[in-house]
N, C-alpha and C. Protein backbone atom coordinates (compact mmCIF):
# COMPACT_ATOMS: atom_id res chain seq x y z
N MET A 1 20.29 13.53 0.06
CA MET A 1 20.63 13.28 -1.11
C MET A 1 19.67 12.15 -1.03
N PRO A 2 18.25 12.09 -2.35
CA PRO A 2 17.67 10.95 -1.98
C PRO A 2 18.17 9.50 -1.57
N MET A 3 16.93 8.58 -1.50
CA MET A 3 17.11 7.26 -1.05
C MET A 3 16.58 6.13 -1.12
N ARG A 4 16.49 4.85 -1.43
CA ARG A 4 15.90 4.26 -2.03
C ARG A 4 16.02 2.70 -0.93
N ARG A 5 14.83 1.88 -0.73
CA ARG A 5 14.99 1.06 -0.31
C ARG A 5 15.71 -0.20 -1.03
N VAL A 6 16.40 -0.90 -0.62
CA VAL A 6 16.33 -2.40 -1.52
C VAL A 6 16.95 -3.62 -1.22
N VAL A 7 15.56 -4.73 -1.45
CA VAL A 7 15.99 -6.22 -1.53
C VAL A 7 17.49 -6.23 -1.61
N PRO A 8 18.10 -7.19 -0.86
CA PRO A 8 19.77 -8.01 -1.13
C PRO A 8 19.76 -8.29 -2.10
N GLN A 9 18.83 -8.94 -2.93
CA GLN A 9 19.04 -10.03 -4.08
C GLN A 9 18.56 -8.74 -5.43
N ASP A 10 18.05 -7.35 -5.08
CA ASP A 10 18.29 -6.37 -6.28
C ASP A 10 19.25 -5.25 -6.12
N LEU A 11 20.41 -5.93 -5.33
CA LEU A 11 21.68 -5.22 -5.35
C LEU A 11 22.18 -4.98 -6.57
N GLU A 12 23.12 -4.09 -7.30
CA GLU A 12 23.65 -4.02 -8.42
C GLU A 12 25.07 -3.20 -7.99
N PRO A 13 26.21 -3.87 -8.12
CA PRO A 13 27.19 -3.20 -8.02
C PRO A 13 27.35 -2.09 -8.36
N ASN A 14 28.47 -0.82 -7.51
CA ASN A 14 28.64 0.57 -7.83
C ASN A 14 27.21 1.03 -7.45
N MET A 15 26.29 0.64 -6.60
CA MET A 15 25.16 1.39 -6.02
C MET A 15 26.10 2.04 -4.43
N ILE A 16 25.66 2.95 -4.00
CA ILE A 16 26.11 3.39 -2.79
C ILE A 16 24.86 3.24 -1.69
N LEU A 17 25.45 2.62 -0.23
CA LEU A 17 24.86 2.67 0.57
C LEU A 17 24.58 4.43 1.71
N ALA A 18 23.40 4.50 1.48
CA ALA A 18 23.15 5.69 1.55
C ALA A 18 22.82 5.75 3.75
N LYS A 19 22.40 4.56 3.98
CA LYS A 19 22.49 4.47 5.49
C LYS A 19 23.72 3.38 6.14
N PRO A 20 23.87 2.76 7.12
CA PRO A 20 25.16 2.31 7.38
C PRO A 20 24.15 0.83 7.58
N VAL A 21 25.01 -0.66 7.46
CA VAL A 21 23.95 -1.59 7.65
C VAL A 21 24.35 -2.02 9.08
N THR A 22 23.94 -2.53 10.19
CA THR A 22 24.09 -2.80 11.39
C THR A 22 24.26 -3.89 11.84
N ASN A 23 24.52 -5.00 12.99
CA ASN A 23 23.83 -6.16 13.19
C ASN A 23 23.12 -6.42 14.46
N ALA A 24 22.89 -6.76 15.45
CA ALA A 24 21.53 -6.89 16.02
C ALA A 24 21.60 -5.96 17.16
N ASN A 25 23.21 -5.48 17.51
CA ASN A 25 23.24 -5.03 18.23
C ASN A 25 23.00 -3.13 18.02
N GLY A 26 23.37 -3.01 16.95
CA GLY A 26 22.75 -1.55 16.38
C GLY A 26 24.39 -1.12 15.91
N LEU A 27 25.13 -2.03 16.06
CA LEU A 27 26.33 -1.26 15.55
C LEU A 27 26.99 -1.49 14.15
N PRO A 28 27.24 -0.30 13.40
CA PRO A 28 27.60 0.03 12.73
C PRO A 28 28.57 -1.72 12.10
N ILE A 29 28.56 -2.45 11.04
CA ILE A 29 29.07 -3.47 10.40
C ILE A 29 29.66 -3.08 8.98
N VAL A 30 29.12 -1.88 7.80
CA VAL A 30 29.33 -1.55 6.75
C VAL A 30 28.76 -0.44 6.67
N ALA A 31 29.38 0.58 6.42
CA ALA A 31 29.31 2.09 6.59
C ALA A 31 28.32 2.79 5.51
N ALA A 32 27.84 4.03 6.28
CA ALA A 32 27.39 4.07 4.80
C ALA A 32 28.68 5.53 3.85
N GLY A 33 27.46 5.52 2.69
CA GLY A 33 28.76 5.72 1.48
C GLY A 33 30.05 4.65 1.11
N THR A 34 29.56 3.43 1.30
CA THR A 34 30.44 2.56 1.06
C THR A 34 29.79 2.10 -0.72
N ILE A 35 31.04 1.72 -1.48
CA ILE A 35 30.04 1.95 -2.83
C ILE A 35 30.14 0.05 -3.02
N LEU A 36 28.89 -0.81 -3.50
CA LEU A 36 28.99 -1.91 -3.78
C LEU A 36 29.91 -2.52 -4.53
N ASP A 37 30.54 -3.47 -4.24
CA ASP A 37 30.95 -4.18 -5.47
C ASP A 37 30.29 -5.78 -5.24
N ALA A 38 30.44 -6.54 -6.42
CA ALA A 38 30.11 -8.22 -5.81
C ALA A 38 30.29 -8.64 -4.42
N ALA A 39 31.66 -8.90 -4.77
CA ALA A 39 31.65 -9.09 -2.98
C ALA A 39 30.87 -8.62 -1.99
N MET A 40 31.31 -7.81 -1.88
CA MET A 40 30.13 -7.37 -0.70
C MET A 40 28.86 -7.32 -1.13
N ILE A 41 28.33 -6.88 -2.37
CA ILE A 41 26.92 -7.46 -2.77
C ILE A 41 26.41 -9.18 -2.01
N GLU A 42 27.25 -9.95 -2.27
CA GLU A 42 27.15 -11.46 -1.37
C GLU A 42 27.14 -11.34 0.10
N ARG A 43 28.04 -10.85 0.58
CA ARG A 43 28.01 -10.68 1.79
C ARG A 43 26.68 -10.16 2.79
N LEU A 44 26.52 -9.22 2.28
CA LEU A 44 24.72 -8.44 2.66
C LEU A 44 23.96 -10.04 2.27
N ARG A 45 24.32 -10.47 1.22
CA ARG A 45 22.84 -11.50 0.58
C ARG A 45 22.87 -12.41 2.15
N GLN A 46 24.14 -12.89 2.36
CA GLN A 46 24.34 -14.12 3.05
C GLN A 46 23.91 -13.66 4.40
N MET A 47 23.69 -12.11 4.67
CA MET A 47 23.49 -11.89 6.26
C MET A 47 22.00 -11.72 6.76
N ASP A 48 21.16 -12.18 5.50
CA ASP A 48 19.86 -12.33 5.38
C ASP A 48 19.06 -11.08 5.88
N LEU A 49 19.61 -9.51 5.94
CA LEU A 49 18.99 -8.29 5.57
C LEU A 49 17.80 -8.70 4.87
N PRO A 50 16.53 -7.83 5.16
CA PRO A 50 15.62 -7.75 4.56
C PRO A 50 15.63 -6.78 3.34
N SER A 51 16.32 -5.83 3.98
CA SER A 51 16.65 -4.39 2.71
C SER A 51 17.76 -3.36 3.57
N VAL A 52 18.21 -2.93 2.58
CA VAL A 52 19.26 -1.91 2.92
C VAL A 52 18.72 -0.04 2.60
N TYR A 53 19.51 0.63 2.39
CA TYR A 53 18.96 2.13 1.60
C TYR A 53 20.29 2.50 1.29
N VAL A 54 19.46 2.69 -0.45
CA VAL A 54 20.99 3.28 -1.15
C VAL A 54 20.68 4.49 -1.75
N ASP A 55 21.61 5.14 -2.18
CA ASP A 55 21.53 6.48 -2.82
C ASP A 55 20.42 6.49 -4.04
N GLY A 56 19.63 7.51 -4.33
CA GLY A 56 19.11 7.82 -5.61
C GLY A 56 17.62 7.50 -5.43
N GLU A 57 16.68 7.77 -6.20
CA GLU A 57 15.62 7.84 -6.59
C GLU A 57 14.74 6.75 -5.93
N ALA A 58 13.20 6.75 -5.60
CA ALA A 58 12.55 5.57 -5.82
C ALA A 58 12.46 5.45 -7.54
N LEU A 59 12.65 3.84 -7.31
CA LEU A 59 12.55 3.31 -8.70
C LEU A 59 10.45 3.98 -8.96
N ASP A 60 10.43 3.32 -9.98
CA ASP A 60 9.27 3.98 -10.63
C ASP A 60 8.37 2.14 -10.50
N SER A 61 6.88 2.66 -11.00
CA SER A 61 6.11 1.84 -10.67
C SER A 61 6.23 0.84 -12.24
N GLY A 62 7.12 0.70 -12.92
CA GLY A 62 7.04 0.43 -13.80
C GLY A 62 6.29 0.54 -15.05
N GLY A 63 5.59 2.26 -15.23
CA GLY A 63 5.13 2.55 -15.75
C GLY A 63 3.39 2.85 -16.07
N LYS A 64 3.63 2.12 -14.26
CA LYS A 64 1.47 1.89 -14.27
C LYS A 64 1.24 2.82 -13.46
N THR A 65 -0.15 3.21 -13.98
CA THR A 65 -0.56 3.94 -13.22
C THR A 65 -0.88 4.34 -11.96
N LEU A 66 -1.59 5.29 -11.01
CA LEU A 66 -1.96 5.28 -10.13
C LEU A 66 -3.10 4.06 -9.79
N ALA A 67 -3.68 4.51 -10.55
CA ALA A 67 -5.16 3.69 -10.79
C ALA A 67 -5.17 2.17 -10.90
N GLU A 68 -4.19 1.39 -12.19
CA GLU A 68 -3.73 0.21 -12.28
C GLU A 68 -2.88 0.23 -10.49
N LEU A 69 -2.17 0.77 -10.13
CA LEU A 69 -1.56 0.24 -9.13
C LEU A 69 -2.43 -0.27 -7.77
N GLU A 70 -3.74 0.54 -7.67
CA GLU A 70 -4.63 0.65 -6.99
C GLU A 70 -5.58 -0.77 -7.27
N ALA A 71 -5.87 -0.46 -8.64
CA ALA A 71 -6.90 -1.45 -8.65
C ALA A 71 -6.11 -3.10 -8.47
N GLU A 72 -4.75 -3.43 -8.90
CA GLU A 72 -3.68 -4.57 -8.45
C GLU A 72 -3.87 -4.76 -6.78
N LEU A 73 -3.93 -3.26 -6.19
CA LEU A 73 -3.84 -4.02 -4.40
C LEU A 73 -5.23 -4.32 -4.37
N ASP A 74 -6.36 -3.96 -4.63
CA ASP A 74 -7.82 -4.24 -4.38
C ASP A 74 -7.89 -5.82 -5.59
N HIS A 75 -7.53 -6.46 -6.10
CA HIS A 75 -7.08 -7.77 -6.57
C HIS A 75 -6.63 -8.71 -5.90
N ARG A 76 -5.55 -8.27 -5.45
CA ARG A 76 -4.72 -9.13 -4.09
C ARG A 76 -5.32 -9.14 -2.64
N PHE A 77 -6.35 -8.27 -2.56
CA PHE A 77 -6.86 -8.65 -1.23
C PHE A 77 -8.70 -8.36 -1.51
N ARG A 78 -8.73 -9.26 -2.42
CA ARG A 78 -10.15 -9.68 -2.46
C ARG A 78 -10.67 -10.61 -1.90
N HIS A 79 -9.74 -11.41 -1.35
CA HIS A 79 -10.09 -12.61 -0.51
C HIS A 79 -10.87 -12.40 1.06
N VAL A 80 -10.14 -11.18 0.99
CA VAL A 80 -10.05 -10.88 2.52
C VAL A 80 -10.85 -9.59 2.70
N ALA A 81 -11.43 -9.07 2.02
CA ALA A 81 -12.20 -8.14 2.50
C ALA A 81 -13.63 -8.21 4.10
N HIS A 82 -13.15 -9.04 4.27
CA HIS A 82 -14.06 -9.41 5.67
C HIS A 82 -12.99 -9.39 6.94
N ASP A 83 -11.85 -9.34 6.84
CA ASP A 83 -10.90 -9.58 7.93
C ASP A 83 -10.43 -8.15 7.88
N HIS A 84 -10.87 -7.11 9.36
CA HIS A 84 -10.74 -6.23 9.59
C HIS A 84 -9.18 -5.64 9.39
N VAL A 85 -8.48 -6.93 9.89
CA VAL A 85 -6.73 -5.90 10.21
C VAL A 85 -5.98 -5.99 8.29
N GLN A 86 -6.35 -7.02 7.79
CA GLN A 86 -6.61 -7.25 5.99
C GLN A 86 -6.42 -5.78 5.40
N GLN A 87 -7.79 -5.33 6.51
CA GLN A 87 -8.19 -4.26 5.71
C GLN A 87 -7.49 -2.65 6.11
N LEU A 88 -7.19 -2.89 7.68
CA LEU A 88 -6.53 -1.96 7.73
C LEU A 88 -4.74 -1.95 7.04
N ILE A 89 -4.37 -3.27 6.22
CA ILE A 89 -3.18 -3.53 5.38
C ILE A 89 -3.53 -2.43 4.32
N LEU A 90 -4.61 -3.21 4.16
CA LEU A 90 -4.88 -2.70 2.55
C LEU A 90 -4.77 -0.81 2.57
N GLN A 91 -5.66 -0.51 3.35
CA GLN A 91 -6.03 1.27 3.79
C GLN A 91 -4.02 1.28 3.63
N ALA A 92 -3.24 0.88 4.91
CA ALA A 92 -2.21 1.83 4.95
C ALA A 92 -1.42 1.29 3.38
N LEU A 93 -1.19 0.31 3.00
CA LEU A 93 -0.87 0.57 1.16
C LEU A 93 -1.28 1.69 0.50
N ARG A 94 -2.49 1.67 0.47
CA ARG A 94 -2.95 2.69 -0.38
C ARG A 94 -2.72 4.29 -0.31
N ILE A 95 -2.54 4.41 1.00
CA ILE A 95 -2.33 5.51 1.50
C ILE A 95 -0.54 6.28 1.05
N HIS A 96 0.47 4.66 1.70
CA HIS A 96 1.62 4.74 0.68
C HIS A 96 1.71 4.79 -0.99
N LEU A 97 0.55 4.28 -1.14
CA LEU A 97 0.66 4.25 -2.91
C LEU A 97 0.41 5.46 -3.03
N ARG A 98 -0.60 6.53 -2.84
CA ARG A 98 -0.94 7.68 -3.18
C ARG A 98 0.49 8.91 -2.51
N THR A 99 0.99 8.36 -1.46
CA THR A 99 1.82 9.31 -1.19
C THR A 99 3.38 9.15 -1.94
N THR A 100 3.68 8.03 -1.91
CA THR A 100 4.62 8.60 -3.40
C THR A 100 4.62 8.43 -4.49
N HIS A 101 3.20 8.51 -5.08
CA HIS A 101 2.48 9.34 -5.98
C HIS A 101 2.48 10.70 -5.96
N GLY A 102 2.69 11.40 -5.22
CA GLY A 102 2.57 12.64 -4.72
C GLY A 102 1.16 13.34 -4.74
N LEU A 103 0.39 12.61 -3.89
CA LEU A 103 -0.89 12.74 -3.68
C LEU A 103 -0.94 12.65 -1.68
N ARG A 104 -1.57 13.95 -2.16
CA ARG A 104 -1.95 13.52 0.14
C ARG A 104 -3.28 13.09 -0.32
N PRO A 105 -3.12 11.80 0.46
CA PRO A 105 -4.22 10.76 0.49
C PRO A 105 -5.23 10.96 1.53
N ALA A 106 -6.67 10.87 1.53
CA ALA A 106 -7.58 11.42 2.42
C ALA A 106 -7.34 10.26 2.99
N ILE A 107 -7.75 10.19 4.74
CA ILE A 107 -7.98 8.98 5.50
C ILE A 107 -9.29 8.32 4.90
N GLU A 108 -9.62 7.15 4.67
CA GLU A 108 -10.37 6.35 4.57
C GLU A 108 -10.97 5.90 6.43
N GLU A 109 -12.29 5.43 6.22
CA GLU A 109 -13.30 4.98 7.35
C GLU A 109 -13.73 3.47 7.06
N THR A 110 -12.98 2.81 8.28
CA THR A 110 -13.08 1.58 8.16
C THR A 110 -14.20 1.36 8.73
């Protein structure tokens, strides 16, 4: 079944965990398959997790085209064109965007 990564602030009741939530030692504390309710969502938010995986397709990009999303990326990185590390991050994000839009991106030379 497909899954998507969600930040705790975007969790909603009736979402189903696709992967277990684990503690710092890697031990599961909330099992995969758990149906989230308001109380569980609040507990997950209090755990200060970066994200969790829930069942379902990845959300769309708000109706934006790949070209529009790439233009936004370029705009956001416009002030760090001289920074090699930032350009590597930009390249990784561009590859991710293209991959999630069904394209097989060419690796760019930097």
